[in-house]
Amino acid sequence: MDNAADNSRLPEGFDQLANRIADVYIIKHPTDPVTGELSTRIQDLEAIAKLVDVSGGVETLAIQWGCENGLGQQNIWQPPFGIEPGYYDVVVDLNRDGRYTRGVDIVDGRLSNKPLKSYHYGFRTVNQGQGQGQP
């Protein structure tokens, strides 16, 4: 019997990330500098000179292998959450330079190089009872 891990379902290149140290930021989703609307352009995230974490502090942690039952999951944000309702992204800063670097860092929002016609933030927070039935 082969005891090697089955890596066939992992994203390409994931094995290069395991055990690296990364900084994880919860940031306000960028807005378009012209319209003030939520941005759909990756350039607006790249234009942020320094990522500002809104969760109470940047989390520095080792990227680890996971498993389907959640063993070894790490918290990146401890309650109470205490941020204003709005739109946010999680940025995994792999080169730990405090900026989003395309092709190196990971962002959970669906930003692209061209405008798309859907929501592009990673997640949003609402006041209790607000936003029910909305995306």
N, C-alpha and C. Protein backbone atom coordinates (compact mmCIF):
# COMPACT_ATOMS: atom_id res chain seq x y z
N MET A 1 0.84 -1.19 0.00
CA MET A 1 0.00 0.00 0.00
C MET A 1 0.88 1.24 0.00
N ASP A 2 0.53 2.21 -0.85
CA ASP A 2 1.29 3.44 -0.95
C ASP A 2 0.73 4.46 0.04
N ASN A 3 1.55 4.97 0.94
CA ASN A 3 1.11 5.92 1.95
C ASN A 3 1.25 7.37 1.51
N ALA A 4 1.65 7.60 0.27
CA ALA A 4 1.81 8.98 -0.22
C ALA A 4 0.44 9.66 -0.28
N ALA A 5 0.42 10.93 -0.01
CA ALA A 5 -0.83 11.69 -0.06
C ALA A 5 -1.33 11.79 -1.50
N ASP A 6 -2.65 11.75 -1.66
CA ASP A 6 -3.27 11.92 -2.97
C ASP A 6 -3.43 13.41 -3.22
N ASN A 7 -2.58 13.97 -4.07
CA ASN A 7 -2.61 15.40 -4.35
C ASN A 7 -3.35 15.72 -5.64
N SER A 8 -4.05 14.76 -6.20
CA SER A 8 -4.66 14.97 -7.51
C SER A 8 -5.78 16.01 -7.49
N ARG A 9 -6.37 16.29 -6.33
CA ARG A 9 -7.46 17.26 -6.28
C ARG A 9 -7.01 18.63 -5.81
N LEU A 10 -5.74 18.81 -5.56
CA LEU A 10 -5.23 20.11 -5.12
C LEU A 10 -4.96 20.99 -6.33
N PRO A 11 -5.11 22.31 -6.18
CA PRO A 11 -4.80 23.20 -7.29
C PRO A 11 -3.34 23.07 -7.71
N GLU A 12 -3.07 23.28 -8.98
CA GLU A 12 -1.71 23.21 -9.48
C GLU A 12 -0.84 24.21 -8.73
N GLY A 13 0.32 23.76 -8.29
CA GLY A 13 1.25 24.63 -7.58
C GLY A 13 1.01 24.70 -6.07
N PHE A 14 -0.05 24.05 -5.57
CA PHE A 14 -0.34 24.15 -4.14
C PHE A 14 0.79 23.59 -3.29
N ASP A 15 1.43 22.53 -3.79
CA ASP A 15 2.51 21.93 -3.01
C ASP A 15 3.65 22.92 -2.78
N GLN A 16 3.77 23.95 -3.61
CA GLN A 16 4.80 24.96 -3.42
C GLN A 16 4.42 25.97 -2.33
N LEU A 17 3.14 26.01 -1.96
CA LEU A 17 2.68 26.95 -0.94
C LEU A 17 2.75 26.38 0.46
N ALA A 18 2.59 25.08 0.59
CA ALA A 18 2.53 24.46 1.91
C ALA A 18 3.77 24.81 2.72
N ASN A 19 3.54 25.17 3.96
CA ASN A 19 4.56 25.51 4.96
C ASN A 19 5.20 26.88 4.76
N ARG A 20 4.75 27.65 3.75
CA ARG A 20 5.24 29.02 3.62
C ARG A 20 4.54 29.89 4.66
N ILE A 21 5.18 30.95 5.07
CA ILE A 21 4.60 31.91 5.98
C ILE A 21 3.94 33.01 5.14
N ALA A 22 2.73 33.40 5.51
CA ALA A 22 2.00 34.43 4.78
C ALA A 22 1.32 35.36 5.77
N ASP A 23 1.07 36.59 5.34
CA ASP A 23 0.28 37.54 6.11
C ASP A 23 -1.12 37.57 5.49
N VAL A 24 -2.14 37.51 6.34
CA VAL A 24 -3.52 37.49 5.86
C VAL A 24 -4.21 38.76 6.32
N TYR A 25 -4.74 39.51 5.36
CA TYR A 25 -5.40 40.79 5.61
C TYR A 25 -6.89 40.67 5.30
N ILE A 26 -7.72 41.27 6.12
CA ILE A 26 -9.12 41.54 5.80
C ILE A 26 -9.14 43.02 5.44
N ILE A 27 -9.47 43.35 4.18
CA ILE A 27 -9.43 44.74 3.74
C ILE A 27 -10.78 45.16 3.18
N LYS A 28 -11.05 46.46 3.22
CA LYS A 28 -12.23 46.98 2.52
C LYS A 28 -12.01 46.79 1.04
N HIS A 29 -13.08 46.35 0.35
CA HIS A 29 -12.97 46.15 -1.09
C HIS A 29 -12.71 47.50 -1.76
N PRO A 30 -11.78 47.56 -2.70
CA PRO A 30 -11.46 48.84 -3.33
C PRO A 30 -12.62 49.39 -4.16
N THR A 31 -12.64 50.71 -4.27
CA THR A 31 -13.64 51.37 -5.10
C THR A 31 -12.97 51.95 -6.33
N ASP A 32 -13.76 52.13 -7.36
CA ASP A 32 -13.27 52.74 -8.58
C ASP A 32 -12.93 54.19 -8.27
N PRO A 33 -11.71 54.66 -8.59
CA PRO A 33 -11.33 56.03 -8.23
C PRO A 33 -12.14 57.10 -8.96
N VAL A 34 -12.77 56.76 -10.06
CA VAL A 34 -13.54 57.74 -10.82
C VAL A 34 -14.99 57.76 -10.37
N THR A 35 -15.62 56.59 -10.28
CA THR A 35 -17.06 56.53 -9.99
C THR A 35 -17.37 56.39 -8.51
N GLY A 36 -16.42 55.88 -7.73
CA GLY A 36 -16.69 55.62 -6.32
C GLY A 36 -17.47 54.33 -6.08
N GLU A 37 -17.82 53.64 -7.14
CA GLU A 37 -18.54 52.36 -7.04
C GLU A 37 -17.55 51.25 -6.70
N LEU A 38 -18.08 50.08 -6.29
CA LEU A 38 -17.21 48.93 -6.04
C LEU A 38 -16.42 48.61 -7.30
N SER A 39 -15.15 48.38 -7.14
CA SER A 39 -14.29 48.15 -8.29
C SER A 39 -14.42 46.72 -8.80
N THR A 40 -14.23 46.56 -10.10
CA THR A 40 -14.12 45.24 -10.71
C THR A 40 -12.74 45.06 -11.33
N ARG A 41 -11.84 46.03 -11.11
CA ARG A 41 -10.53 46.01 -11.75
C ARG A 41 -9.43 45.63 -10.75
N ILE A 42 -8.62 44.66 -11.13
CA ILE A 42 -7.51 44.25 -10.28
C ILE A 42 -6.52 45.40 -10.07
N GLN A 43 -6.45 46.32 -11.03
CA GLN A 43 -5.53 47.46 -10.91
C GLN A 43 -5.87 48.33 -9.71
N ASP A 44 -7.16 48.39 -9.33
CA ASP A 44 -7.54 49.20 -8.17
C ASP A 44 -7.05 48.58 -6.87
N LEU A 45 -6.94 47.26 -6.83
CA LEU A 45 -6.36 46.60 -5.67
C LEU A 45 -4.84 46.79 -5.67
N GLU A 46 -4.23 46.68 -6.83
CA GLU A 46 -2.78 46.87 -6.93
C GLU A 46 -2.36 48.30 -6.59
N ALA A 47 -3.26 49.26 -6.79
CA ALA A 47 -2.95 50.67 -6.54
C ALA A 47 -2.91 51.02 -5.06
N ILE A 48 -3.40 50.14 -4.19
CA ILE A 48 -3.37 50.41 -2.75
C ILE A 48 -1.91 50.34 -2.29
N ALA A 49 -1.39 51.47 -1.81
CA ALA A 49 0.02 51.55 -1.46
C ALA A 49 0.38 50.61 -0.30
N LYS A 50 -0.51 50.48 0.65
CA LYS A 50 -0.28 49.62 1.82
C LYS A 50 -1.61 49.01 2.22
N LEU A 51 -1.68 47.68 2.29
CA LEU A 51 -2.91 47.03 2.71
C LEU A 51 -3.22 47.41 4.15
N VAL A 52 -4.48 47.71 4.44
CA VAL A 52 -4.89 48.07 5.78
C VAL A 52 -5.88 47.02 6.27
N ASP A 53 -5.47 46.27 7.29
CA ASP A 53 -6.32 45.23 7.85
C ASP A 53 -7.37 45.88 8.76
N VAL A 54 -8.64 45.48 8.59
CA VAL A 54 -9.72 46.05 9.38
C VAL A 54 -10.20 45.12 10.48
N SER A 55 -9.57 43.96 10.61
CA SER A 55 -10.06 42.95 11.56
C SER A 55 -9.41 43.04 12.92
N GLY A 56 -8.54 44.01 13.11
CA GLY A 56 -7.88 44.13 14.41
C GLY A 56 -6.41 43.74 14.35
N GLY A 57 -5.94 43.34 13.21
CA GLY A 57 -4.52 43.02 13.07
C GLY A 57 -4.28 41.95 12.02
N VAL A 58 -3.20 42.10 11.31
CA VAL A 58 -2.80 41.14 10.29
C VAL A 58 -2.50 39.80 10.98
N GLU A 59 -2.95 38.73 10.38
CA GLU A 59 -2.64 37.40 10.89
C GLU A 59 -1.46 36.85 10.10
N THR A 60 -0.42 36.42 10.79
CA THR A 60 0.73 35.79 10.15
C THR A 60 0.67 34.31 10.49
N LEU A 61 0.63 33.48 9.45
CA LEU A 61 0.51 32.05 9.71
C LEU A 61 1.15 31.24 8.61
N ALA A 62 1.41 29.99 8.95
CA ALA A 62 1.98 29.05 7.99
C ALA A 62 0.85 28.45 7.18
N ILE A 63 1.05 28.40 5.87
CA ILE A 63 0.07 27.74 5.01
C ILE A 63 0.25 26.25 5.21
N GLN A 64 -0.84 25.58 5.46
CA GLN A 64 -0.75 24.16 5.76
C GLN A 64 -1.68 23.36 4.88
N TRP A 65 -1.37 22.09 4.77
CA TRP A 65 -2.25 21.17 4.08
C TRP A 65 -3.53 21.08 4.87
N GLY A 66 -4.64 20.96 4.23
CA GLY A 66 -5.91 20.78 4.91
C GLY A 66 -6.46 19.41 4.63
N CYS A 67 -7.62 19.18 5.16
CA CYS A 67 -8.31 17.94 4.83
C CYS A 67 -9.80 18.23 4.80
N GLU A 68 -10.55 17.32 4.27
CA GLU A 68 -11.96 17.57 4.03
C GLU A 68 -12.78 17.73 5.30
N ASN A 69 -12.32 17.23 6.43
CA ASN A 69 -13.12 17.36 7.64
C ASN A 69 -12.75 18.60 8.45
N GLY A 70 -11.89 19.44 7.91
CA GLY A 70 -11.56 20.69 8.59
C GLY A 70 -10.44 20.60 9.61
N LEU A 71 -9.84 19.46 9.77
CA LEU A 71 -8.75 19.31 10.72
C LEU A 71 -7.62 20.27 10.36
N GLY A 72 -7.17 21.03 11.29
CA GLY A 72 -6.06 21.94 11.06
C GLY A 72 -6.45 23.29 10.50
N GLN A 73 -7.74 23.58 10.45
CA GLN A 73 -8.15 24.90 9.96
C GLN A 73 -7.63 25.97 10.90
N GLN A 74 -7.33 27.14 10.35
CA GLN A 74 -6.82 28.25 11.13
C GLN A 74 -7.79 29.43 11.05
N ASN A 75 -8.00 30.09 12.17
CA ASN A 75 -8.83 31.29 12.18
C ASN A 75 -8.00 32.46 11.69
N ILE A 76 -8.65 33.28 10.85
CA ILE A 76 -7.98 34.50 10.41
C ILE A 76 -8.65 35.73 10.98
N TRP A 77 -9.72 35.51 11.74
CA TRP A 77 -10.47 36.64 12.27
C TRP A 77 -11.24 36.16 13.49
N GLN A 78 -10.95 36.72 14.63
CA GLN A 78 -11.59 36.32 15.88
C GLN A 78 -12.78 37.22 16.19
N PRO A 79 -13.91 36.66 16.63
CA PRO A 79 -15.02 37.52 17.07
C PRO A 79 -14.63 38.24 18.35
N PRO A 80 -15.24 39.35 18.70
CA PRO A 80 -16.30 40.00 17.94
C PRO A 80 -15.72 40.68 16.70
N PHE A 81 -16.46 40.64 15.62
CA PHE A 81 -15.96 41.14 14.35
C PHE A 81 -15.93 42.65 14.32
N GLY A 82 -16.95 43.32 14.77
CA GLY A 82 -16.95 44.75 15.01
C GLY A 82 -16.51 45.64 13.87
N ILE A 83 -16.84 45.31 12.63
CA ILE A 83 -16.55 46.23 11.54
C ILE A 83 -17.86 46.71 10.96
N GLU A 84 -17.79 47.84 10.28
CA GLU A 84 -19.01 48.42 9.73
C GLU A 84 -19.52 47.59 8.56
N PRO A 85 -20.84 47.62 8.34
CA PRO A 85 -21.36 46.91 7.17
C PRO A 85 -20.68 47.42 5.90
N GLY A 86 -20.35 46.51 5.02
CA GLY A 86 -19.67 46.89 3.80
C GLY A 86 -19.14 45.69 3.06
N TYR A 87 -18.26 45.96 2.11
CA TYR A 87 -17.72 44.95 1.22
C TYR A 87 -16.24 44.78 1.48
N TYR A 88 -15.78 43.53 1.57
CA TYR A 88 -14.43 43.23 2.01
C TYR A 88 -13.81 42.13 1.17
N ASP A 89 -12.49 42.03 1.25
CA ASP A 89 -11.73 40.96 0.62
C ASP A 89 -10.76 40.39 1.63
N VAL A 90 -10.38 39.14 1.42
CA VAL A 90 -9.29 38.52 2.15
C VAL A 90 -8.11 38.46 1.19
N VAL A 91 -6.98 39.03 1.62
CA VAL A 91 -5.77 39.01 0.80
C VAL A 91 -4.72 38.18 1.54
N VAL A 92 -4.19 37.17 0.87
CA VAL A 92 -3.10 36.36 1.41
C VAL A 92 -1.82 36.89 0.77
N ASP A 93 -1.05 37.60 1.57
CA ASP A 93 0.17 38.29 1.11
C ASP A 93 1.34 37.32 1.22
N LEU A 94 1.61 36.58 0.15
CA LEU A 94 2.62 35.53 0.18
C LEU A 94 4.05 36.08 0.23
N ASN A 95 4.28 37.22 -0.39
CA ASN A 95 5.64 37.77 -0.33
C ASN A 95 5.81 38.73 0.86
N ARG A 96 4.74 38.92 1.63
CA ARG A 96 4.75 39.64 2.90
C ARG A 96 5.30 41.06 2.78
N ASP A 97 4.91 41.73 1.67
CA ASP A 97 5.38 43.10 1.48
C ASP A 97 4.31 44.14 1.79
N GLY A 98 3.13 43.70 2.27
CA GLY A 98 2.08 44.64 2.65
C GLY A 98 1.30 45.21 1.49
N ARG A 99 1.49 44.65 0.31
CA ARG A 99 0.77 45.08 -0.90
C ARG A 99 0.23 43.84 -1.60
N TYR A 100 -0.76 44.03 -2.48
CA TYR A 100 -1.21 42.94 -3.33
C TYR A 100 -0.31 42.90 -4.57
N THR A 101 0.30 41.74 -4.83
CA THR A 101 1.16 41.56 -5.99
C THR A 101 0.53 40.50 -6.88
N ARG A 102 0.07 40.94 -8.06
CA ARG A 102 -0.59 40.01 -8.99
C ARG A 102 0.38 38.90 -9.38
N GLY A 103 -0.13 37.68 -9.42
CA GLY A 103 0.69 36.53 -9.79
C GLY A 103 1.44 35.92 -8.63
N VAL A 104 1.43 36.60 -7.48
CA VAL A 104 2.12 36.10 -6.29
C VAL A 104 1.11 35.90 -5.16
N ASP A 105 0.37 36.96 -4.84
CA ASP A 105 -0.56 36.94 -3.71
C ASP A 105 -1.93 36.42 -4.14
N ILE A 106 -2.76 36.11 -3.16
CA ILE A 106 -4.09 35.54 -3.41
C ILE A 106 -5.13 36.50 -2.85
N VAL A 107 -6.20 36.73 -3.61
CA VAL A 107 -7.33 37.54 -3.13
C VAL A 107 -8.59 36.74 -3.37
N ASP A 108 -9.53 36.79 -2.39
CA ASP A 108 -10.74 35.99 -2.55
C ASP A 108 -11.81 36.65 -3.39
N GLY A 109 -11.72 37.96 -3.61
CA GLY A 109 -12.68 38.63 -4.48
C GLY A 109 -12.45 38.21 -5.92
N ARG A 110 -13.44 38.38 -6.76
CA ARG A 110 -13.33 37.98 -8.15
C ARG A 110 -12.97 39.18 -9.01
N LEU A 111 -11.88 39.81 -8.72
CA LEU A 111 -11.43 40.95 -9.50
C LEU A 111 -10.87 40.45 -10.83
N SER A 112 -10.96 41.27 -11.86
CA SER A 112 -10.45 40.87 -13.16
C SER A 112 -9.82 42.08 -13.84
N ASN A 113 -9.23 41.84 -14.99
CA ASN A 113 -8.64 42.93 -15.77
C ASN A 113 -9.68 43.65 -16.59
N LYS A 114 -10.87 43.10 -16.73
CA LYS A 114 -11.93 43.76 -17.48
C LYS A 114 -13.20 43.74 -16.66
N PRO A 115 -14.06 44.73 -16.82
CA PRO A 115 -15.28 44.80 -16.03
C PRO A 115 -16.19 43.59 -16.28
N LEU A 116 -16.78 43.10 -15.22
CA LEU A 116 -17.75 42.02 -15.30
C LEU A 116 -19.07 42.53 -14.75
N LYS A 117 -20.14 41.87 -15.09
CA LYS A 117 -21.45 42.35 -14.66
C LYS A 117 -21.99 41.51 -13.50
N SER A 118 -21.26 41.46 -12.43
CA SER A 118 -21.72 40.78 -11.21
C SER A 118 -20.92 41.35 -10.04
N TYR A 119 -21.23 40.88 -8.84
CA TYR A 119 -20.51 41.35 -7.66
C TYR A 119 -19.10 40.77 -7.63
N HIS A 120 -18.17 41.55 -7.16
CA HIS A 120 -16.78 41.12 -7.23
C HIS A 120 -16.03 41.24 -5.91
N TYR A 121 -16.75 41.40 -4.83
CA TYR A 121 -16.09 41.47 -3.53
C TYR A 121 -15.97 40.05 -2.96
N GLY A 122 -15.10 39.89 -1.96
CA GLY A 122 -14.93 38.58 -1.35
C GLY A 122 -16.09 38.22 -0.45
N PHE A 123 -16.50 39.15 0.41
CA PHE A 123 -17.65 38.94 1.29
C PHE A 123 -18.18 40.29 1.73
N ARG A 124 -19.35 40.29 2.31
CA ARG A 124 -19.90 41.54 2.83
C ARG A 124 -20.46 41.30 4.21
N THR A 125 -20.51 42.36 4.99
CA THR A 125 -21.13 42.31 6.30
C THR A 125 -22.33 43.23 6.28
N VAL A 126 -23.35 42.86 7.05
CA VAL A 126 -24.57 43.65 7.13
C VAL A 126 -24.98 43.75 8.59
N ASN A 127 -25.83 44.72 8.89
CA ASN A 127 -26.44 44.77 10.21
C ASN A 127 -27.46 43.64 10.29
N GLN A 128 -27.70 43.15 11.47
CA GLN A 128 -28.65 42.06 11.66
C GLN A 128 -30.00 42.44 11.05
N GLY A 129 -30.55 41.56 10.20
CA GLY A 129 -31.84 41.80 9.57
C GLY A 129 -31.76 42.55 8.25
N GLN A 130 -30.58 43.11 7.93
CA GLN A 130 -30.41 43.86 6.69
C GLN A 130 -29.93 42.92 5.59
N GLY A 131 -30.32 43.19 4.36
CA GLY A 131 -29.75 42.49 3.22
C GLY A 131 -30.29 41.11 2.98
N GLN A 132 -31.37 40.74 3.60
CA GLN A 132 -31.90 39.39 3.40
C GLN A 132 -32.43 39.26 1.98
N GLY A 133 -32.04 38.19 1.32
CA GLY A 133 -32.46 37.95 -0.03
C GLY A 133 -31.64 38.66 -1.09
N GLN A 134 -30.60 39.39 -0.69
CA GLN A 134 -29.74 40.06 -1.65
C GLN A 134 -28.43 39.29 -1.78
N PRO A 135 -27.76 39.37 -2.95
CA PRO A 135 -26.49 38.65 -3.13
C PRO A 135 -25.39 39.23 -2.29
